Amino acid sequence: MPAPLSQTTGRRKQAVARVRFRPGQGTITVNKVPIEKYFTSATHRMLVTEPLRVTNTAESYDIDATIDGGGISGQAAWGSPAACAPSTPSSADRSSAPAC
């Protein structure tokens, strides 16, 4: 397994997610389970993947997330800040960055 391109932590209420991004085909695993099996609700999957769709990077990275605590909705909400990590521009470019 290649070294992570980026590692980040996202928090929402009592949920904590540790997320690793690697160059890949867009595979997302949560607690070693495919995202479709972990988040059975389409709404929760949409929350997790929305930042990747907005930044057009949904098929550029493989994402491994370890989530603990909170309820399923709090766990799904980690996606918004955490998924922006690899595409976050440098401080000089932030004015033109999409708001993730």
N, C-alpha and C. Protein backbone atom coordinates (compact mmCIF):
# COMPACT_ATOMS: atom_id res chain seq x y z
N MET A 1 0.85 -1.18 0.00
CA MET A 1 0.00 0.00 0.00
C MET A 1 0.90 1.24 0.00
N PRO A 2 0.68 2.17 -0.95
CA PRO A 2 1.52 3.37 -1.00
C PRO A 2 1.29 4.27 0.21
N ALA A 3 2.30 5.06 0.50
CA ALA A 3 2.20 6.01 1.62
C ALA A 3 1.09 7.01 1.34
N PRO A 4 0.39 7.46 2.39
CA PRO A 4 -0.69 8.43 2.17
C PRO A 4 -0.17 9.75 1.61
N LEU A 5 -0.94 10.31 0.70
CA LEU A 5 -0.64 11.64 0.17
C LEU A 5 -0.92 12.68 1.25
N SER A 6 -1.98 12.43 2.00
CA SER A 6 -2.39 13.35 3.05
C SER A 6 -3.12 12.58 4.13
N GLN A 7 -2.97 13.02 5.36
CA GLN A 7 -3.72 12.46 6.48
C GLN A 7 -4.35 13.63 7.23
N THR A 8 -5.58 13.46 7.66
CA THR A 8 -6.26 14.53 8.37
C THR A 8 -7.25 13.94 9.35
N THR A 9 -7.69 14.78 10.27
CA THR A 9 -8.69 14.38 11.26
C THR A 9 -9.86 15.33 11.17
N GLY A 10 -11.07 14.77 11.17
CA GLY A 10 -12.29 15.58 11.17
C GLY A 10 -13.11 15.24 12.40
N ARG A 11 -13.76 16.24 12.97
CA ARG A 11 -14.59 16.02 14.14
C ARG A 11 -15.96 16.64 13.93
N ARG A 12 -16.97 15.95 14.42
CA ARG A 12 -18.34 16.47 14.38
C ARG A 12 -19.05 15.91 15.60
N LYS A 13 -19.46 16.78 16.49
CA LYS A 13 -20.09 16.38 17.75
C LYS A 13 -19.16 15.40 18.45
N GLN A 14 -19.59 14.17 18.70
CA GLN A 14 -18.76 13.18 19.38
C GLN A 14 -17.99 12.27 18.42
N ALA A 15 -18.22 12.41 17.11
CA ALA A 15 -17.56 11.56 16.13
C ALA A 15 -16.19 12.11 15.77
N VAL A 16 -15.23 11.21 15.64
CA VAL A 16 -13.87 11.56 15.23
C VAL A 16 -13.49 10.67 14.06
N ALA A 17 -13.02 11.28 12.98
CA ALA A 17 -12.61 10.52 11.80
C ALA A 17 -11.15 10.81 11.49
N ARG A 18 -10.39 9.75 11.28
CA ARG A 18 -9.02 9.87 10.82
C ARG A 18 -9.03 9.39 9.37
N VAL A 19 -8.61 10.26 8.48
CA VAL A 19 -8.77 10.01 7.05
C VAL A 19 -7.41 10.06 6.36
N ARG A 20 -7.15 9.08 5.50
CA ARG A 20 -5.93 9.02 4.71
C ARG A 20 -6.29 9.03 3.23
N PHE A 21 -5.63 9.89 2.49
CA PHE A 21 -5.85 10.02 1.05
C PHE A 21 -4.65 9.46 0.32
N ARG A 22 -4.92 8.64 -0.70
CA ARG A 22 -3.85 8.09 -1.53
C ARG A 22 -4.27 8.25 -2.99
N PRO A 23 -3.33 8.47 -3.89
CA PRO A 23 -3.70 8.48 -5.30
C PRO A 23 -4.34 7.15 -5.66
N GLY A 24 -5.42 7.20 -6.43
CA GLY A 24 -6.10 5.95 -6.75
C GLY A 24 -7.29 6.15 -7.66
N GLN A 25 -8.26 5.25 -7.55
CA GLN A 25 -9.40 5.21 -8.45
C GLN A 25 -10.70 5.73 -7.85
N GLY A 26 -10.69 6.18 -6.61
CA GLY A 26 -11.91 6.70 -6.00
C GLY A 26 -12.56 5.75 -5.01
N THR A 27 -11.85 4.74 -4.57
CA THR A 27 -12.38 3.78 -3.60
C THR A 27 -12.41 4.41 -2.21
N ILE A 28 -13.55 4.33 -1.54
CA ILE A 28 -13.67 4.86 -0.18
C ILE A 28 -14.02 3.72 0.75
N THR A 29 -13.19 3.54 1.78
CA THR A 29 -13.48 2.54 2.80
C THR A 29 -13.59 3.23 4.15
N VAL A 30 -14.56 2.79 4.94
CA VAL A 30 -14.79 3.34 6.27
C VAL A 30 -14.69 2.17 7.25
N ASN A 31 -13.76 2.25 8.18
CA ASN A 31 -13.52 1.17 9.14
C ASN A 31 -13.34 -0.17 8.43
N LYS A 32 -12.58 -0.15 7.33
CA LYS A 32 -12.23 -1.33 6.53
C LYS A 32 -13.44 -1.97 5.83
N VAL A 33 -14.50 -1.19 5.66
CA VAL A 33 -15.72 -1.66 4.99
C VAL A 33 -16.02 -0.68 3.85
N PRO A 34 -16.46 -1.16 2.68
CA PRO A 34 -16.81 -0.23 1.61
C PRO A 34 -17.88 0.77 2.08
N ILE A 35 -17.80 1.99 1.58
CA ILE A 35 -18.70 3.06 2.03
C ILE A 35 -20.16 2.68 1.85
N GLU A 36 -20.49 1.92 0.81
CA GLU A 36 -21.88 1.54 0.56
C GLU A 36 -22.45 0.65 1.67
N LYS A 37 -21.60 -0.13 2.30
CA LYS A 37 -22.06 -1.00 3.39
C LYS A 37 -22.04 -0.28 4.74
N TYR A 38 -21.12 0.67 4.92
CA TYR A 38 -21.05 1.38 6.20
C TYR A 38 -22.15 2.43 6.30
N PHE A 39 -22.27 3.25 5.26
CA PHE A 39 -23.33 4.26 5.21
C PHE A 39 -24.40 3.76 4.24
N THR A 40 -25.42 3.11 4.77
CA THR A 40 -26.45 2.54 3.90
C THR A 40 -27.39 3.59 3.33
N SER A 41 -27.44 4.77 3.94
CA SER A 41 -28.30 5.85 3.45
C SER A 41 -27.59 6.64 2.35
N ALA A 42 -28.28 6.87 1.26
CA ALA A 42 -27.71 7.66 0.16
C ALA A 42 -27.39 9.08 0.62
N THR A 43 -28.17 9.60 1.54
CA THR A 43 -27.92 10.95 2.05
C THR A 43 -26.60 11.01 2.79
N HIS A 44 -26.30 10.03 3.60
CA HIS A 44 -25.03 10.00 4.33
C HIS A 44 -23.86 9.85 3.37
N ARG A 45 -24.00 9.01 2.36
CA ARG A 45 -22.93 8.86 1.37
C ARG A 45 -22.72 10.17 0.61
N MET A 46 -23.81 10.88 0.34
CA MET A 46 -23.70 12.15 -0.36
C MET A 46 -22.93 13.17 0.49
N LEU A 47 -23.21 13.21 1.80
CA LEU A 47 -22.49 14.12 2.69
C LEU A 47 -20.99 13.85 2.67
N VAL A 48 -20.63 12.58 2.68
CA VAL A 48 -19.22 12.20 2.71
C VAL A 48 -18.52 12.55 1.40
N THR A 49 -19.18 12.31 0.28
CA THR A 49 -18.52 12.47 -1.02
C THR A 49 -18.71 13.84 -1.67
N GLU A 50 -19.57 14.67 -1.13
CA GLU A 50 -19.85 15.96 -1.75
C GLU A 50 -18.61 16.82 -2.00
N PRO A 51 -17.70 16.99 -1.05
CA PRO A 51 -16.52 17.82 -1.33
C PRO A 51 -15.67 17.28 -2.47
N LEU A 52 -15.64 15.97 -2.63
CA LEU A 52 -14.88 15.38 -3.73
C LEU A 52 -15.55 15.68 -5.06
N ARG A 53 -16.88 15.65 -5.10
CA ARG A 53 -17.60 15.97 -6.33
C ARG A 53 -17.44 17.45 -6.69
N VAL A 54 -17.51 18.32 -5.69
CA VAL A 54 -17.40 19.76 -5.92
C VAL A 54 -16.02 20.12 -6.48
N THR A 55 -15.00 19.45 -6.00
CA THR A 55 -13.63 19.75 -6.44
C THR A 55 -13.18 18.87 -7.60
N ASN A 56 -14.11 18.07 -8.16
CA ASN A 56 -13.82 17.18 -9.29
C ASN A 56 -12.65 16.23 -9.00
N THR A 57 -12.58 15.71 -7.79
CA THR A 57 -11.52 14.78 -7.42
C THR A 57 -12.08 13.43 -6.95
N ALA A 58 -13.33 13.15 -7.25
CA ALA A 58 -13.98 11.93 -6.75
C ALA A 58 -13.28 10.66 -7.22
N GLU A 59 -12.67 10.68 -8.39
CA GLU A 59 -12.00 9.48 -8.91
C GLU A 59 -10.49 9.61 -8.90
N SER A 60 -9.96 10.58 -8.15
CA SER A 60 -8.52 10.80 -8.11
C SER A 60 -7.84 10.18 -6.90
N TYR A 61 -8.60 9.92 -5.84
CA TYR A 61 -8.02 9.46 -4.59
C TYR A 61 -8.75 8.24 -4.05
N ASP A 62 -7.99 7.35 -3.42
CA ASP A 62 -8.57 6.30 -2.60
C ASP A 62 -8.55 6.84 -1.18
N ILE A 63 -9.64 6.66 -0.45
CA ILE A 63 -9.76 7.22 0.89
C ILE A 63 -10.02 6.10 1.87
N ASP A 64 -9.21 6.06 2.93
CA ASP A 64 -9.40 5.12 4.03
C ASP A 64 -9.73 5.94 5.26
N ALA A 65 -10.89 5.70 5.86
CA ALA A 65 -11.30 6.46 7.04
C ALA A 65 -11.53 5.51 8.21
N THR A 66 -11.11 5.94 9.38
CA THR A 66 -11.41 5.24 10.62
C THR A 66 -12.25 6.18 11.44
N ILE A 67 -13.50 5.79 11.72
CA ILE A 67 -14.44 6.66 12.42
C ILE A 67 -14.83 6.02 13.73
N ASP A 68 -14.92 6.85 14.77
CA ASP A 68 -15.30 6.35 16.08
C ASP A 68 -16.18 7.38 16.77
N GLY A 69 -17.13 6.91 17.55
CA GLY A 69 -17.97 7.78 18.37
C GLY A 69 -19.11 8.41 17.60
N GLY A 70 -20.04 8.98 18.36
CA GLY A 70 -21.17 9.67 17.77
C GLY A 70 -22.14 8.74 17.08
N GLY A 71 -23.16 9.31 16.51
CA GLY A 71 -24.14 8.55 15.75
C GLY A 71 -23.77 8.53 14.29
N ILE A 72 -24.56 7.86 13.50
CA ILE A 72 -24.27 7.70 12.08
C ILE A 72 -24.29 9.04 11.34
N SER A 73 -25.19 9.95 11.73
CA SER A 73 -25.24 11.27 11.07
C SER A 73 -24.02 12.11 11.41
N GLY A 74 -23.58 12.08 12.65
CA GLY A 74 -22.36 12.79 13.04
C GLY A 74 -21.14 12.21 12.35
N GLN A 75 -21.13 10.89 12.18
CA GLN A 75 -20.01 10.26 11.49
C GLN A 75 -19.99 10.64 10.02
N ALA A 76 -21.16 10.74 9.40
CA ALA A 76 -21.22 11.11 7.99
C ALA A 76 -20.78 12.55 7.76
N ALA A 77 -20.97 13.40 8.74
CA ALA A 77 -20.65 14.82 8.58
C ALA A 77 -19.17 15.11 8.61
N TRP A 78 -18.31 14.16 8.92
CA TRP A 78 -16.88 14.42 8.90
C TRP A 78 -16.40 14.75 7.51
N GLY A 79 -17.11 14.31 6.48
CA GLY A 79 -16.65 14.44 5.11
C GLY A 79 -16.39 15.85 4.65
N SER A 80 -17.21 16.79 5.04
CA SER A 80 -17.09 18.14 4.50
C SER A 80 -15.72 18.75 4.73
N PRO A 81 -15.23 18.86 5.97
CA PRO A 81 -13.90 19.45 6.12
C PRO A 81 -12.78 18.49 5.78
N ALA A 82 -12.93 17.23 6.10
CA ALA A 82 -11.83 16.30 5.95
C ALA A 82 -11.51 16.00 4.49
N ALA A 83 -12.51 15.88 3.65
CA ALA A 83 -12.27 15.49 2.27
C ALA A 83 -11.64 16.59 1.44
N CYS A 84 -11.57 17.80 1.94
CA CYS A 84 -10.97 18.89 1.18
C CYS A 84 -9.45 18.92 1.32
N ALA A 85 -8.88 18.13 2.18
CA ALA A 85 -7.46 18.21 2.48
C ALA A 85 -6.54 18.13 1.27
N PRO A 86 -6.67 17.14 0.37
CA PRO A 86 -5.69 17.07 -0.70
C PRO A 86 -5.82 18.19 -1.72
N SER A 87 -7.00 18.78 -1.84
CA SER A 87 -7.18 19.81 -2.85
C SER A 87 -7.13 21.22 -2.29
N THR A 88 -6.83 21.35 -0.99
CA THR A 88 -6.77 22.67 -0.39
C THR A 88 -5.59 23.42 -0.98
N PRO A 89 -5.83 24.57 -1.57
CA PRO A 89 -4.73 25.32 -2.19
C PRO A 89 -3.84 25.96 -1.15
N SER A 90 -2.68 26.41 -1.61
CA SER A 90 -1.77 27.11 -0.70
C SER A 90 -2.43 28.42 -0.27
N SER A 91 -1.88 29.03 0.76
CA SER A 91 -2.49 30.25 1.29
C SER A 91 -2.57 31.36 0.24
N ALA A 92 -1.67 31.36 -0.72
CA ALA A 92 -1.70 32.38 -1.75
C ALA A 92 -2.89 32.22 -2.69
N ASP A 93 -3.38 30.97 -2.85
CA ASP A 93 -4.46 30.69 -3.76
C ASP A 93 -5.83 30.59 -3.11
N ARG A 94 -5.95 30.81 -1.83
CA ARG A 94 -7.20 30.59 -1.11
C ARG A 94 -8.35 31.46 -1.60
N SER A 95 -8.08 32.62 -2.16
CA SER A 95 -9.17 33.50 -2.58
C SER A 95 -9.98 32.89 -3.72
N SER A 96 -9.36 32.04 -4.53
CA SER A 96 -10.08 31.44 -5.65
C SER A 96 -10.52 30.01 -5.35
N ALA A 97 -10.29 29.53 -4.14
CA ALA A 97 -10.62 28.15 -3.80
C ALA A 97 -12.11 27.99 -3.57
N PRO A 98 -12.64 26.81 -3.91
CA PRO A 98 -14.04 26.55 -3.58
C PRO A 98 -14.20 26.44 -2.08
N ALA A 99 -15.32 26.88 -1.57
CA ALA A 99 -15.56 26.81 -0.13
C ALA A 99 -15.98 25.41 0.23
N CYS A 100 -15.10 24.65 0.81
CA CYS A 100 -15.40 23.26 1.18
C CYS A 100 -15.89 23.19 2.60
